[in-house]
Amino acid sequence: MTPELRQLRYFVAVADETSFTRAAAGLHIAQQSLSQQITVLERGLGARLFDRDPRGTRLTALGKLFLPEARAVLARADQAVATLGRAARGEIGRVSLAFLATTANYLLPPVVRAVRERFPDLDVTTAEAPIAELVDGLRTRRFDLAFTRPPLVPGLASRTLLTEEVCAVLPADHPLATRTSLTLADLAGEPWVLTPRATWEPWHRSYDADFAAAGFTPRVVQRAATVQGLLGLVAAGVGVTRLTRSSHSLRRTGVTFVPLENDIARTELVWLPGNDNPALTTITTVALELAATTDLTEAG
């Protein structure tokens, strides 16, 4: 027979109190029910655990041997319940966080650091991924969460973490580099360097619409797959481009960032609806709290 946890708790209570009366009162059950359960336990184990006589209740030799084992089982059961509760609250477990390279310098460090400080038993694994791989990883649940930028695709849930200025990025000696702000139309005659359209078609459709609204189609003279590549081309004088203000952290020489009027970009925390990993809520909460109190575009 395998004892029930309830019976083990009753046994330990009687052993601690050396009295069925006091143990029953502490357990808030009738003394008769307690006595019956101890009898059932003893019969199931094939051993007498208590000596009962007018002088009181005492553990037998077998009962003394059984007591530390019963305590260990109960402690392990309590630990299992506590662990389950922490896991359900997203305080322990594992979560996979993907991010765009453009968010690695400024957004990723403070968020991951805050999560690890507050929840040291939560294992956060991170992976840099290009946008198409990031979206596919969310859909297949290879990634639980991602830091990325819209537009994405239907079927993903998101919360906006921060908004920031979008800037024209010009060679440092460009005639417009001294301006305090520009419009996209001011750059209509410039040679442009952009990412390949295959990088992420939803982004490029959005770019097309922005350029069309400004009244021109950009003359693209070269393309680079990464922000660092674009910045290098701008620094070399090949052309101009358009990036978020936080991208300035990736290159501080040879280029100038000039804010574009009424041009704002969002960075979002994105996940697949139906993902039941409780740690999603934990990281989302920490990230949003941090975003509300810190300029995450400068925090890395």
Protein backbone atom coordinates (compact mmCIF):
# COMPACT_ATOMS: atom_id res chain seq x y z
CA MET A 1 0.00 0.00 0.00
CA THR A 2 1.17 3.52 -0.81
CA PRO A 3 -0.04 5.94 1.88
CA GLU A 4 -2.02 8.99 0.93
CA LEU A 5 -0.41 12.37 1.60
CA ARG A 6 -3.32 13.17 3.88
CA GLN A 7 -2.57 10.11 6.01
CA LEU A 8 1.10 11.06 6.23
CA ARG A 9 0.14 14.55 7.38
CA TYR A 10 -2.12 13.07 10.03
CA PHE A 11 0.65 10.73 11.18
CA VAL A 12 3.20 13.56 11.48
CA ALA A 13 0.68 15.74 13.35
CA VAL A 14 0.02 13.02 15.95
CA ALA A 15 3.75 12.33 16.28
CA ASP A 16 4.46 16.04 16.85
CA GLU A 17 1.63 16.55 19.34
CA THR A 18 1.96 13.12 21.05
CA SER A 19 -1.79 13.38 21.37
CA PHE A 20 -4.70 12.48 19.10
CA THR A 21 -6.82 15.15 20.77
CA ARG A 22 -4.38 17.99 20.18
CA ALA A 23 -3.53 16.77 16.68
CA ALA A 24 -7.20 16.60 15.70
CA ALA A 25 -7.75 20.13 16.98
CA GLY A 26 -4.77 21.42 15.01
CA LEU A 27 -5.96 19.64 11.86
CA HIS A 28 -9.56 20.84 12.38
CA ILE A 29 -11.00 17.33 12.08
CA ALA A 30 -12.86 15.07 14.48
CA GLN A 31 -10.64 12.98 16.76
CA GLN A 32 -12.53 9.84 15.72
CA SER A 33 -11.80 10.50 12.01
CA LEU A 34 -8.13 11.05 12.79
CA SER A 35 -7.93 7.84 14.78
CA GLN A 36 -9.62 5.91 11.97
CA GLN A 37 -7.21 7.24 9.36
CA ILE A 38 -4.16 6.34 11.47
CA THR A 39 -5.57 2.84 11.90
CA VAL A 40 -6.06 2.53 8.13
CA LEU A 41 -2.47 3.70 7.63
CA GLU A 42 -1.08 1.19 10.10
CA ARG A 43 -3.04 -1.65 8.53
CA GLY A 44 -1.91 -0.71 5.06
CA LEU A 45 1.72 -0.56 6.15
CA GLY A 46 1.45 -3.70 8.25
CA ALA A 47 3.08 -1.94 11.19
CA ARG A 48 1.96 -0.32 14.42
CA LEU A 49 3.14 3.28 14.47
CA PHE A 50 1.86 4.43 17.86
CA ASP A 51 1.53 2.99 21.33
CA ARG A 52 -1.67 4.27 22.93
CA ASP A 53 -2.20 3.99 26.68
CA PRO A 54 -3.55 6.18 29.51
CA ARG A 55 -0.18 7.92 29.79
CA GLY A 56 -0.40 9.25 26.25
CA THR A 57 0.53 8.49 22.67
CA ARG A 58 4.09 7.52 21.79
CA LEU A 59 5.81 6.45 18.59
CA THR A 60 6.80 2.83 18.35
CA ALA A 61 10.29 1.91 17.19
CA LEU A 62 8.91 1.49 13.66
CA GLY A 63 7.05 4.76 13.96
CA LYS A 64 10.30 6.54 14.86
CA LEU A 65 11.94 5.11 11.74
CA PHE A 66 8.97 6.06 9.58
CA LEU A 67 8.67 9.66 10.83
CA PRO A 68 11.65 11.25 9.00
CA GLU A 69 10.66 9.45 5.81
CA ALA A 70 7.12 10.76 6.08
CA ARG A 71 8.43 14.27 6.69
CA ALA A 72 10.65 14.03 3.62
CA VAL A 73 7.76 12.90 1.42
CA LEU A 74 5.56 15.74 2.65
CA ALA A 75 8.34 18.29 2.19
CA ARG A 76 8.91 17.06 -1.37
CA ALA A 77 5.19 17.27 -2.09
CA ASP A 78 5.04 20.81 -0.72
CA GLN A 79 8.06 21.74 -2.83
CA ALA A 80 6.42 20.28 -5.94
CA VAL A 81 3.27 22.31 -5.34
CA ALA A 82 5.31 25.47 -4.73
CA THR A 83 7.34 24.86 -7.89
CA LEU A 84 4.16 24.38 -9.90
CA GLY A 85 2.78 27.63 -8.52
CA ARG A 86 5.94 29.54 -9.44
CA ALA A 87 5.90 28.02 -12.91
CA ALA A 88 2.23 28.97 -13.35
CA ARG A 89 3.13 32.55 -12.39
CA GLY A 90 5.96 32.58 -14.93
CA GLU A 91 8.68 32.87 -12.27
CA ILE A 92 10.58 29.75 -13.36
CA GLY A 93 10.84 27.80 -16.59
CA ARG A 94 12.31 28.64 -19.96
CA VAL A 95 11.47 31.18 -22.62
CA SER A 96 13.07 31.73 -26.03
CA LEU A 97 13.36 35.37 -27.08
CA ALA A 98 14.25 36.33 -30.66
CA PHE A 99 15.33 39.80 -31.69
CA LEU A 100 16.27 41.84 -34.71
CA ALA A 101 19.91 42.86 -34.90
CA THR A 102 18.81 46.49 -34.81
CA THR A 103 17.38 46.02 -31.31
CA ALA A 104 20.39 44.16 -29.88
CA ASN A 105 22.39 47.23 -28.85
CA TYR A 106 19.73 49.16 -26.98
CA LEU A 107 16.60 47.13 -26.18
CA LEU A 108 17.76 43.59 -25.49
CA PRO A 109 20.33 44.21 -22.71
CA PRO A 110 18.14 46.18 -20.25
CA VAL A 111 15.09 43.93 -20.67
CA VAL A 112 16.96 40.64 -20.31
CA ARG A 113 18.99 42.03 -17.41
CA ALA A 114 15.83 43.14 -15.59
CA VAL A 115 14.15 39.75 -16.09
CA ARG A 116 17.18 37.87 -14.79
CA GLU A 117 17.50 40.14 -11.76
CA ARG A 118 13.85 39.77 -10.79
CA PHE A 119 13.40 36.13 -11.79
CA PRO A 120 16.79 34.38 -11.53
CA ASP A 121 15.19 30.95 -11.99
CA LEU A 122 13.66 31.90 -15.32
CA ASP A 123 15.94 30.75 -18.14
CA VAL A 124 15.84 33.32 -20.97
CA THR A 125 17.56 32.18 -24.14
CA THR A 126 18.08 34.76 -26.89
CA ALA A 127 18.61 34.42 -30.60
CA GLU A 128 19.31 37.07 -33.23
CA ALA A 129 17.24 36.40 -36.34
CA PRO A 130 16.40 38.18 -39.60
CA ILE A 131 12.77 39.17 -39.83
CA ALA A 132 11.54 36.27 -42.01
CA GLU A 133 13.21 33.68 -39.76
CA LEU A 134 11.91 35.48 -36.68
CA VAL A 135 8.30 35.36 -37.90
CA ASP A 136 8.61 31.70 -38.93
CA GLY A 137 10.12 30.87 -35.53
CA LEU A 138 7.16 32.45 -33.75
CA ARG A 139 4.67 30.57 -35.91
CA THR A 140 6.39 27.22 -35.30
CA ARG A 141 6.96 28.02 -31.60
CA ARG A 142 10.72 27.76 -31.94
CA PHE A 143 10.62 31.24 -30.43
CA ASP A 144 8.20 32.26 -27.69
CA LEU A 145 8.65 36.02 -28.07
CA ALA A 146 10.39 38.49 -30.31
CA PHE A 147 11.48 42.11 -30.40
CA THR A 148 10.71 43.36 -33.89
CA ARG A 149 9.11 46.11 -35.94
CA PRO A 150 5.86 46.20 -37.88
CA PRO A 151 4.38 45.64 -40.33
CA LEU A 152 4.40 41.88 -39.83
CA VAL A 153 1.81 39.36 -40.96
CA PRO A 154 -1.69 38.47 -39.72
CA GLY A 155 -2.02 36.00 -36.87
CA LEU A 156 0.56 37.39 -34.44
CA ALA A 157 -0.19 39.26 -31.22
CA SER A 158 1.89 42.25 -30.17
CA ARG A 159 2.37 45.04 -27.64
CA THR A 160 4.20 48.23 -28.47
CA LEU A 161 7.30 48.64 -26.29
CA LEU A 162 8.51 51.98 -27.59
CA THR A 163 8.24 54.52 -30.35
CA GLU A 164 11.13 56.54 -31.69
CA GLU A 165 12.04 59.03 -34.37
CA VAL A 166 12.95 57.91 -37.85
CA CYS A 167 15.92 59.82 -39.27
CA ALA A 168 17.49 60.53 -42.60
CA VAL A 169 21.02 59.15 -42.42
CA LEU A 170 23.45 61.28 -44.43
CA PRO A 171 27.20 61.34 -44.98
CA ALA A 172 28.72 63.62 -42.36
CA ASP A 173 29.74 66.18 -45.02
CA HIS A 174 26.38 66.21 -46.82
CA PRO A 175 24.92 69.71 -47.44
CA LEU A 176 21.75 68.75 -45.52
CA ALA A 177 23.63 67.30 -42.54
CA THR A 178 23.42 70.59 -40.61
CA ARG A 179 19.62 70.74 -40.76
CA THR A 180 17.70 70.14 -37.53
CA SER A 181 14.97 68.25 -39.39
CA LEU A 182 14.04 67.13 -42.88
CA THR A 183 11.06 65.83 -44.78
CA LEU A 184 11.25 62.74 -46.92
CA ALA A 185 10.53 64.95 -49.94
CA ASP A 186 13.76 66.88 -49.23
CA LEU A 187 15.64 63.72 -50.23
CA ALA A 188 13.84 63.09 -53.52
CA GLY A 189 16.91 63.78 -55.64
CA GLU A 190 19.37 61.78 -53.56
CA PRO A 191 20.88 58.38 -54.34
CA TRP A 192 19.52 55.84 -51.84
CA VAL A 193 20.91 52.74 -50.19
CA LEU A 194 18.25 50.33 -48.89
CA THR A 195 17.90 46.72 -47.80
CA PRO A 196 17.00 44.10 -50.44
CA ARG A 197 13.27 43.76 -51.05
CA ALA A 198 13.58 40.06 -50.25
CA THR A 199 14.54 40.97 -46.69
CA TRP A 200 10.87 41.42 -45.76
CA GLU A 201 8.27 42.39 -48.34
CA PRO A 202 5.78 43.92 -45.83
CA TRP A 203 8.42 46.43 -44.79
CA HIS A 204 9.19 47.40 -48.37
CA ARG A 205 5.52 47.82 -49.25
CA SER A 206 5.31 50.24 -46.34
CA TYR A 207 8.43 52.06 -47.58
CA ASP A 208 6.93 52.27 -51.08
CA ALA A 209 3.81 53.91 -49.67
CA ASP A 210 5.87 56.43 -47.68
CA PHE A 211 7.96 57.40 -50.70
CA ALA A 212 4.86 57.65 -52.89
CA ALA A 213 3.21 59.94 -50.33
CA ALA A 214 6.36 62.13 -50.47
CA GLY A 215 5.97 62.34 -54.26
CA PHE A 216 8.89 60.30 -55.55
CA THR A 217 10.36 56.86 -56.14
CA PRO A 218 13.84 56.56 -54.62
CA ARG A 219 16.80 56.03 -56.93
CA VAL A 220 18.35 53.00 -55.23
CA VAL A 221 22.03 52.74 -56.15
CA GLN A 222 23.02 49.92 -53.82
CA ARG A 223 21.50 47.55 -51.29
CA ALA A 224 22.84 46.05 -48.05
CA ALA A 225 21.24 43.31 -45.95
CA THR A 226 22.11 44.80 -42.55
CA VAL A 227 21.86 48.16 -40.82
CA GLN A 228 25.62 48.11 -40.29
CA GLY A 229 26.05 47.62 -44.04
CA LEU A 230 23.75 50.54 -44.83
CA LEU A 231 25.60 52.79 -42.40
CA GLY A 232 28.91 51.83 -43.98
CA LEU A 233 27.61 52.73 -47.44
CA VAL A 234 26.31 56.08 -46.19
CA ALA A 235 29.64 56.83 -44.48
CA ALA A 236 31.39 56.05 -47.76
CA GLY A 237 29.22 58.61 -49.55
CA VAL A 238 27.38 56.07 -51.71
CA GLY A 239 23.95 57.36 -50.81
CA VAL A 240 21.48 58.25 -48.06
CA THR A 241 19.11 56.04 -46.13
CA ARG A 242 16.34 56.13 -43.54
CA LEU A 243 16.72 54.46 -40.12
CA THR A 244 15.48 54.71 -36.56
CA ARG A 245 17.29 57.07 -34.21
CA SER A 246 18.54 54.15 -32.09
CA SER A 247 20.54 52.86 -35.07
CA HIS A 248 23.00 55.65 -34.33
CA SER A 249 24.48 53.40 -31.62
CA LEU A 250 25.79 51.08 -34.36
CA ARG A 251 27.97 53.75 -35.99
CA ARG A 252 28.93 57.13 -34.56
CA THR A 253 31.41 58.41 -37.16
CA GLY A 254 31.09 59.35 -40.82
CA VAL A 255 27.29 59.70 -40.70
CA THR A 256 24.75 62.21 -39.46
CA PHE A 257 21.22 61.42 -38.27
CA VAL A 258 18.66 64.14 -39.01
CA PRO A 259 15.09 63.57 -37.75
CA LEU A 260 12.41 63.23 -40.42
CA GLU A 261 9.31 65.25 -39.64
CA ASN A 262 6.27 63.24 -38.51
CA ASP A 263 8.09 59.95 -39.06
CA ILE A 264 7.83 57.52 -36.14
CA ALA A 265 8.74 53.82 -35.84
CA ARG A 266 7.46 51.32 -33.30
CA THR A 267 9.30 48.42 -31.70
CA GLU A 268 6.97 45.66 -30.56
CA LEU A 269 7.01 42.56 -28.41
CA VAL A 270 5.39 39.86 -30.57
CA TRP A 271 4.14 36.33 -29.88
CA LEU A 272 1.85 33.66 -31.28
CA PRO A 273 -1.65 33.67 -29.72
CA GLY A 274 -2.30 30.38 -27.96
CA ASN A 275 1.26 29.98 -26.73
CA ASP A 276 0.57 28.90 -23.14
CA ASN A 277 4.07 29.51 -21.74
CA PRO A 278 3.36 31.53 -18.53
CA ALA A 279 6.74 33.25 -18.86
CA LEU A 280 5.32 35.25 -21.79
CA THR A 281 3.32 37.32 -19.33
CA THR A 282 6.34 37.73 -17.06
CA ILE A 283 8.63 39.09 -19.77
CA THR A 284 5.88 41.24 -21.30
CA THR A 285 5.17 42.80 -17.89
CA VAL A 286 8.84 43.48 -17.14
CA ALA A 287 9.48 44.92 -20.60
CA LEU A 288 6.44 47.21 -20.50
CA GLU A 289 7.28 48.41 -16.98
CA LEU A 290 10.84 49.14 -18.08
CA ALA A 291 9.65 50.91 -21.23
CA ALA A 292 7.42 53.14 -19.10
CA THR A 293 10.31 54.31 -16.91
CA THR A 294 13.38 54.17 -19.16
CA ASP A 295 14.36 55.52 -22.57
CA LEU A 296 15.08 52.10 -24.01
CA THR A 297 16.47 53.61 -27.20
CA GLU A 298 19.45 54.73 -25.11
CA ALA A 299 19.44 52.11 -22.34
CA GLY A 300 21.66 49.41 -23.80
